Amino acid sequence: MPIKTIQAPLPGTFYRASAPGEPVFKSEGDAVAVGDTIGLIEVMKSFTPVVAEEAGTLTAFHLENEDPVMAGQPLYDLDA
């Protein structure tokens, strides 16, 4: 299966969990189904979910929790 790099749809702050102290949505090695939430991008207190458009295995994140992100910047790799 080819590795695909998924890019951020918009700029903001990337969050891997819904709130501090909560478990992350997905970790490296997790199976991903279409429609799964991978993380959130926050812009001015508005949270937009990053939703998987393809199924596969999440192989790597390019950002840490709470890192700033620009639109088009790599978020994660998916073995699809």
N, C-alpha and C. Protein backbone atom coordinates (compact mmCIF):
# COMPACT_ATOMS: atom_id res chain seq x y z
N MET A 1 0.84 -1.19 0.00
CA MET A 1 0.00 0.00 0.00
C MET A 1 0.88 1.25 0.00
N PRO A 2 0.51 2.25 -0.76
CA PRO A 2 1.32 3.48 -0.78
C PRO A 2 1.05 4.35 0.45
N ILE A 3 2.09 5.05 0.88
CA ILE A 3 1.96 6.00 1.98
C ILE A 3 1.50 7.34 1.40
N LYS A 4 0.45 7.89 1.97
CA LYS A 4 -0.06 9.20 1.55
C LYS A 4 0.12 10.18 2.69
N THR A 5 0.57 11.37 2.36
CA THR A 5 0.69 12.42 3.35
C THR A 5 -0.55 13.30 3.27
N ILE A 6 -1.27 13.39 4.39
CA ILE A 6 -2.49 14.18 4.47
C ILE A 6 -2.14 15.57 4.97
N GLN A 7 -2.66 16.59 4.29
CA GLN A 7 -2.33 17.97 4.61
C GLN A 7 -3.45 18.66 5.37
N ALA A 8 -3.05 19.70 6.09
CA ALA A 8 -4.02 20.50 6.86
C ALA A 8 -4.96 21.24 5.91
N PRO A 9 -6.27 21.19 6.19
CA PRO A 9 -7.22 21.89 5.33
C PRO A 9 -7.28 23.40 5.59
N LEU A 10 -6.82 23.84 6.77
CA LEU A 10 -6.87 25.26 7.12
C LEU A 10 -5.81 25.56 8.16
N PRO A 11 -5.46 26.83 8.34
CA PRO A 11 -4.46 27.19 9.35
C PRO A 11 -5.09 27.26 10.74
N GLY A 12 -4.26 27.08 11.75
CA GLY A 12 -4.73 27.18 13.13
C GLY A 12 -3.80 26.44 14.07
N THR A 13 -4.37 25.89 15.13
CA THR A 13 -3.63 25.09 16.10
C THR A 13 -4.17 23.67 16.04
N PHE A 14 -3.26 22.69 15.92
CA PHE A 14 -3.64 21.29 15.79
C PHE A 14 -3.71 20.64 17.17
N TYR A 15 -4.81 19.93 17.41
CA TYR A 15 -5.00 19.20 18.66
C TYR A 15 -5.25 17.73 18.34
N ARG A 16 -4.56 16.85 19.05
CA ARG A 16 -4.74 15.41 18.85
C ARG A 16 -5.84 14.83 19.73
N ALA A 17 -6.33 15.59 20.70
CA ALA A 17 -7.39 15.13 21.62
C ALA A 17 -8.46 16.21 21.72
N SER A 18 -9.64 15.82 22.19
CA SER A 18 -10.76 16.76 22.28
C SER A 18 -10.61 17.77 23.40
N ALA A 19 -9.80 17.44 24.43
CA ALA A 19 -9.59 18.34 25.56
C ALA A 19 -8.34 17.87 26.31
N PRO A 20 -7.71 18.75 27.07
CA PRO A 20 -6.55 18.33 27.87
C PRO A 20 -6.93 17.17 28.80
N GLY A 21 -6.08 16.18 28.86
CA GLY A 21 -6.32 15.03 29.73
C GLY A 21 -7.17 13.94 29.09
N GLU A 22 -7.76 14.23 27.93
CA GLU A 22 -8.56 13.22 27.21
C GLU A 22 -7.64 12.39 26.32
N PRO A 23 -8.04 11.16 26.00
CA PRO A 23 -7.21 10.34 25.09
C PRO A 23 -7.17 10.95 23.69
N VAL A 24 -6.06 10.70 22.99
CA VAL A 24 -5.93 11.19 21.62
C VAL A 24 -6.93 10.46 20.73
N PHE A 25 -7.32 11.12 19.63
CA PHE A 25 -8.25 10.50 18.69
C PHE A 25 -7.60 9.27 18.04
N LYS A 26 -6.38 9.42 17.55
CA LYS A 26 -5.65 8.34 16.89
C LYS A 26 -4.18 8.43 17.24
N SER A 27 -3.52 7.27 17.25
CA SER A 27 -2.08 7.18 17.48
C SER A 27 -1.43 6.49 16.29
N GLU A 28 -0.10 6.60 16.20
CA GLU A 28 0.62 5.89 15.16
C GLU A 28 0.34 4.40 15.28
N GLY A 29 0.08 3.76 14.15
CA GLY A 29 -0.21 2.33 14.13
C GLY A 29 -1.69 2.01 14.20
N ASP A 30 -2.53 3.00 14.49
CA ASP A 30 -3.98 2.77 14.58
C ASP A 30 -4.59 2.62 13.19
N ALA A 31 -5.61 1.78 13.11
CA ALA A 31 -6.41 1.67 11.89
C ALA A 31 -7.29 2.91 11.79
N VAL A 32 -7.46 3.38 10.56
CA VAL A 32 -8.28 4.56 10.29
C VAL A 32 -9.36 4.17 9.29
N ALA A 33 -10.61 4.50 9.61
CA ALA A 33 -11.73 4.27 8.69
C ALA A 33 -12.18 5.61 8.13
N VAL A 34 -12.81 5.59 6.98
CA VAL A 34 -13.36 6.82 6.41
C VAL A 34 -14.32 7.43 7.42
N GLY A 35 -14.15 8.72 7.68
CA GLY A 35 -15.01 9.42 8.64
C GLY A 35 -14.46 9.50 10.04
N ASP A 36 -13.37 8.77 10.35
CA ASP A 36 -12.76 8.85 11.68
C ASP A 36 -12.15 10.23 11.90
N THR A 37 -12.28 10.75 13.11
CA THR A 37 -11.64 12.01 13.48
C THR A 37 -10.20 11.72 13.85
N ILE A 38 -9.28 12.45 13.21
CA ILE A 38 -7.85 12.30 13.46
C ILE A 38 -7.38 13.34 14.46
N GLY A 39 -7.97 14.51 14.41
CA GLY A 39 -7.59 15.61 15.30
C GLY A 39 -8.53 16.78 15.08
N LEU A 40 -8.18 17.90 15.69
CA LEU A 40 -8.96 19.14 15.56
C LEU A 40 -8.02 20.27 15.19
N ILE A 41 -8.52 21.22 14.41
CA ILE A 41 -7.79 22.45 14.16
C ILE A 41 -8.65 23.59 14.71
N GLU A 42 -8.03 24.38 15.60
CA GLU A 42 -8.74 25.48 16.25
C GLU A 42 -8.31 26.80 15.63
N VAL A 43 -9.30 27.59 15.26
CA VAL A 43 -9.07 28.94 14.75
C VAL A 43 -10.03 29.86 15.50
N MET A 44 -9.49 30.78 16.29
CA MET A 44 -10.30 31.76 17.03
C MET A 44 -11.45 31.10 17.80
N LYS A 45 -11.12 30.08 18.57
CA LYS A 45 -12.06 29.36 19.45
C LYS A 45 -13.10 28.53 18.69
N SER A 46 -12.91 28.35 17.40
CA SER A 46 -13.77 27.48 16.60
C SER A 46 -12.97 26.24 16.23
N PHE A 47 -13.51 25.06 16.56
CA PHE A 47 -12.80 23.80 16.35
C PHE A 47 -13.37 23.06 15.14
N THR A 48 -12.48 22.74 14.18
CA THR A 48 -12.86 22.01 12.98
C THR A 48 -12.23 20.63 13.03
N PRO A 49 -13.03 19.56 12.96
CA PRO A 49 -12.43 18.22 12.99
C PRO A 49 -11.68 17.93 11.69
N VAL A 50 -10.56 17.23 11.84
CA VAL A 50 -9.82 16.69 10.70
C VAL A 50 -10.32 15.25 10.56
N VAL A 51 -11.06 14.98 9.48
CA VAL A 51 -11.74 13.70 9.30
C VAL A 51 -11.07 12.94 8.16
N ALA A 52 -10.83 11.64 8.38
CA ALA A 52 -10.20 10.80 7.37
C ALA A 52 -11.10 10.64 6.15
N GLU A 53 -10.52 10.85 4.99
CA GLU A 53 -11.26 10.67 3.74
C GLU A 53 -10.94 9.33 3.10
N GLU A 54 -9.93 8.62 3.64
CA GLU A 54 -9.55 7.29 3.17
C GLU A 54 -9.28 6.40 4.37
N ALA A 55 -9.42 5.10 4.15
CA ALA A 55 -9.12 4.12 5.19
C ALA A 55 -7.67 3.67 5.05
N GLY A 56 -7.09 3.23 6.14
CA GLY A 56 -5.73 2.72 6.14
C GLY A 56 -5.18 2.65 7.54
N THR A 57 -3.86 2.73 7.65
CA THR A 57 -3.18 2.72 8.93
C THR A 57 -2.40 4.02 9.08
N LEU A 58 -2.60 4.70 10.21
CA LEU A 58 -1.88 5.94 10.47
C LEU A 58 -0.44 5.57 10.82
N THR A 59 0.51 6.03 10.02
CA THR A 59 1.91 5.63 10.23
C THR A 59 2.74 6.67 10.96
N ALA A 60 2.40 7.97 10.83
CA ALA A 60 3.19 9.01 11.50
C ALA A 60 2.43 10.33 11.53
N PHE A 61 2.68 11.10 12.59
CA PHE A 61 2.21 12.48 12.67
C PHE A 61 3.38 13.39 12.34
N HIS A 62 3.10 14.50 11.67
CA HIS A 62 4.13 15.49 11.36
C HIS A 62 4.12 16.63 12.36
N LEU A 63 3.10 16.65 13.24
CA LEU A 63 2.96 17.70 14.25
C LEU A 63 2.72 17.09 15.62
N GLU A 64 3.05 17.85 16.63
CA GLU A 64 2.73 17.47 17.99
C GLU A 64 1.43 18.16 18.40
N ASN A 65 0.85 17.71 19.50
CA ASN A 65 -0.35 18.34 20.04
C ASN A 65 -0.08 19.82 20.32
N GLU A 66 -1.01 20.67 19.94
CA GLU A 66 -0.97 22.12 20.17
C GLU A 66 0.04 22.85 19.29
N ASP A 67 0.57 22.20 18.25
CA ASP A 67 1.46 22.88 17.32
C ASP A 67 0.66 23.77 16.38
N PRO A 68 1.22 24.93 16.00
CA PRO A 68 0.57 25.74 14.97
C PRO A 68 0.70 25.03 13.62
N VAL A 69 -0.28 25.22 12.76
CA VAL A 69 -0.28 24.57 11.45
C VAL A 69 -0.77 25.57 10.40
N MET A 70 -0.21 25.47 9.22
CA MET A 70 -0.65 26.29 8.09
C MET A 70 -1.43 25.42 7.12
N ALA A 71 -2.34 26.00 6.37
CA ALA A 71 -3.09 25.25 5.35
C ALA A 71 -2.10 24.65 4.37
N GLY A 72 -2.28 23.36 4.06
CA GLY A 72 -1.40 22.67 3.14
C GLY A 72 -0.18 22.03 3.78
N GLN A 73 0.04 22.29 5.06
CA GLN A 73 1.17 21.69 5.77
C GLN A 73 0.86 20.23 6.07
N PRO A 74 1.85 19.32 5.97
CA PRO A 74 1.61 17.91 6.28
C PRO A 74 1.15 17.71 7.73
N LEU A 75 0.08 16.91 7.91
CA LEU A 75 -0.44 16.57 9.24
C LEU A 75 -0.02 15.18 9.66
N TYR A 76 -0.35 14.20 8.80
CA TYR A 76 -0.05 12.81 9.15
C TYR A 76 0.12 11.98 7.88
N ASP A 77 0.73 10.80 8.04
CA ASP A 77 0.90 9.85 6.94
C ASP A 77 -0.05 8.70 7.12
N LEU A 78 -0.64 8.24 6.01
CA LEU A 78 -1.60 7.15 6.02
C LEU A 78 -1.16 6.09 5.01
N ASP A 79 -1.02 4.86 5.50
CA ASP A 79 -0.74 3.73 4.62
C ASP A 79 -2.10 3.26 4.12
N ALA A 80 -2.48 3.72 2.93
CA ALA A 80 -3.84 3.48 2.43
C ALA A 80 -3.89 2.36 1.41
